[in-house]
C-alpha atoms as a PDB file:
ATOM      1  CA  UNK A   1      40.053 -27.190 -55.761  1.00  0.00           C
ATOM      2  CA  UNK A   2      39.126 -26.630 -52.121  1.00  0.00           C
ATOM      3  CA  UNK A   3      36.298 -28.637 -50.534  1.00  0.00           C
ATOM      4  CA  UNK A   4      33.480 -26.439 -49.231  1.00  0.00           C
ATOM      5  CA  UNK A   5      31.178 -27.241 -46.323  1.00  0.00           C
ATOM      6  CA  UNK A   6      28.459 -29.597 -47.578  1.00  0.00           C
ATOM      7  CA  UNK A   7      30.414 -30.647 -50.689  1.00  0.00           C
ATOM      8  CA  UNK A   8      30.342 -34.144 -52.108  1.00  0.00           C
ATOM      9  CA  UNK A   9      32.624 -35.506 -54.799  1.00  0.00           C
ATOM     10  CA  UNK A  10      29.612 -35.284 -57.105  1.00  0.00           C
ATOM     11  CA  UNK A  11      29.348 -31.539 -56.357  1.00  0.00           C
ATOM     12  CA  UNK A  12      33.093 -31.014 -56.792  1.00  0.00           C
ATOM     13  CA  UNK A  13      33.117 -32.825 -60.148  1.00  0.00           C
ATOM     14  CA  UNK A  14      29.999 -30.981 -61.355  1.00  0.00           C
ATOM     15  CA  UNK A  15      31.443 -27.603 -60.338  1.00  0.00           C
ATOM     16  CA  UNK A  16      34.669 -28.377 -62.170  1.00  0.00           C
ATOM     17  CA  UNK A  17      32.861 -29.563 -65.319  1.00  0.00           C
ATOM     18  CA  UNK A  18      30.725 -26.423 -65.435  1.00  0.00           C
ATOM     19  CA  UNK A  19      27.075 -25.606 -65.989  1.00  0.00           C
ATOM     20  CA  UNK A  20      26.781 -27.533 -69.238  1.00  0.00           C
ATOM     21  CA  UNK A  21      27.658 -30.887 -67.670  1.00  0.00           C
ATOM     22  CA  UNK A  22      24.923 -33.481 -67.483  1.00  0.00           C
ATOM     23  CA  UNK A  23      24.467 -36.220 -64.884  1.00  0.00           C
ATOM     24  CA  UNK A  24      26.199 -38.849 -67.019  1.00  0.00           C
ATOM     25  CA  UNK A  25      29.327 -36.712 -67.304  1.00  0.00           C
ATOM     26  CA  UNK A  26      29.387 -36.114 -63.542  1.00  0.00           C
ATOM     27  CA  UNK A  27      28.744 -39.830 -62.930  1.00  0.00           C
ATOM     28  CA  UNK A  28      31.916 -40.646 -64.865  1.00  0.00           C
ATOM     29  CA  UNK A  29      33.962 -37.814 -63.368  1.00  0.00           C
ATOM     30  CA  UNK A  30      33.462 -38.081 -59.602  1.00  0.00           C
ATOM     31  CA  UNK A  31      35.227 -41.474 -59.170  1.00  0.00           C
ATOM     32  CA  UNK A  32      38.285 -40.011 -60.917  1.00  0.00           C
ATOM     33  CA  UNK A  33      38.326 -37.237 -58.319  1.00  0.00           C
ATOM     34  CA  UNK A  34      38.258 -39.857 -55.557  1.00  0.00           C
ATOM     35  CA  UNK A  35      41.000 -42.021 -57.036  1.00  0.00           C
ATOM     36  CA  UNK A  36      43.221 -38.994 -57.689  1.00  0.00           C
ATOM     37  CA  UNK A  37      42.720 -37.706 -54.135  1.00  0.00           C
ATOM     38  CA  UNK A  38      42.265 -40.903 -52.142  1.00  0.00           C
ATOM     39  CA  UNK A  39      45.380 -40.121 -50.126  1.00  0.00           C
ATOM     40  CA  UNK A  40      43.682 -37.020 -48.644  1.00  0.00           C
ATOM     41  CA  UNK A  41      40.053 -38.242 -48.743  1.00  0.00           C
ATOM     42  CA  UNK A  42      40.567 -41.779 -47.461  1.00  0.00           C
ATOM     43  CA  UNK A  43      38.645 -44.959 -48.194  1.00  0.00           C
ATOM     44  CA  UNK A  44      35.177 -43.393 -47.913  1.00  0.00           C
ATOM     45  CA  UNK A  45      34.397 -40.992 -50.777  1.00  0.00           C
ATOM     46  CA  UNK A  46      31.421 -39.640 -48.801  1.00  0.00           C
ATOM     47  CA  UNK A  47      33.639 -38.229 -46.045  1.00  0.00           C
ATOM     48  CA  UNK A  48      35.006 -34.964 -47.406  1.00  0.00           C
ATOM     49  CA  UNK A  49      36.401 -32.445 -44.946  1.00  0.00           C
ATOM     50  CA  UNK A  50      35.910 -28.715 -45.635  1.00  0.00           C
ATOM     51  CA  UNK A  51      39.186 -27.045 -46.478  1.00  0.00           C
ATOM     52  CA  UNK A  52      40.729 -30.154 -48.022  1.00  0.00           C
ATOM     53  CA  UNK A  53      42.642 -29.264 -51.181  1.00  0.00           C
ATOM     54  CA  UNK A  54      41.907 -31.678 -54.029  1.00  0.00           C
ATOM     55  CA  UNK A  55      44.053 -32.219 -57.095  1.00  0.00           C
ATOM     56  CA  UNK A  56      42.331 -32.085 -60.483  1.00  0.00           C
ATOM     57  CA  UNK A  57      42.359 -35.565 -62.058  1.00  0.00           C
ATOM     58  CA  UNK A  58      44.530 -36.053 -65.121  1.00  0.00           C
ATOM     59  CA  UNK A  59      42.491 -35.819 -68.296  1.00  0.00           C
ATOM     60  CA  UNK A  60      40.595 -32.753 -67.077  1.00  0.00           C
ATOM     61  CA  UNK A  61      42.003 -29.506 -68.390  1.00  0.00           C
ATOM     62  CA  UNK A  62      42.162 -26.295 -66.381  1.00  0.00           C
ATOM     63  CA  UNK A  63      39.024 -24.904 -68.021  1.00  0.00           C
ATOM     64  CA  UNK A  64      37.025 -27.698 -66.398  1.00  0.00           C
ATOM     65  CA  UNK A  65      36.480 -29.707 -69.556  1.00  0.00           C
ATOM     66  CA  UNK A  66      36.729 -33.441 -69.138  1.00  0.00           C
ATOM     67  CA  UNK A  67      38.844 -34.254 -72.147  1.00  0.00           C
ATOM     68  CA  UNK A  68      38.019 -37.958 -72.111  1.00  0.00           C
ATOM     69  CA  UNK A  69      34.397 -38.068 -70.965  1.00  0.00           C
ATOM     70  CA  UNK A  70      32.650 -35.224 -72.797  1.00  0.00           C
ATOM     71  CA  UNK A  71      30.315 -36.144 -75.604  1.00  0.00           C
ATOM     72  CA  UNK A  72      28.864 -34.201 -78.471  1.00  0.00           C
ATOM     73  CA  UNK A  73      25.182 -33.440 -78.183  1.00  0.00           C
ATOM     74  CA  UNK A  74      23.597 -33.991 -81.576  1.00  0.00           C
ATOM     75  CA  UNK A  75      19.941 -34.340 -80.694  1.00  0.00           C
ATOM     76  CA  UNK A  76      17.800 -32.973 -83.445  1.00  0.00           C
ATOM     77  CA  UNK A  77      20.591 -32.729 -86.010  1.00  0.00           C
ATOM     78  CA  UNK A  78      19.403 -33.688 -89.457  1.00  0.00           C
ATOM     79  CA  UNK A  79      15.740 -33.785 -88.508  1.00  0.00           C
END
């Protein structure tokens, strides 16, 4: 994934997870993006440079689904 002007790791993770992702899912995902790409991002996760190519963290499939952090929404089931 290529960093766009104005991107944050939060925005990158949210974009990769897709429209259905909630804040908790993004909260768990963005640090994985940093740790996977720390060699190109550096020690400050808030300093992304436009044009930087980021690797998708392991555990996230190509469709954008976080295979380890997604949860099933069951609100209202059985009521």
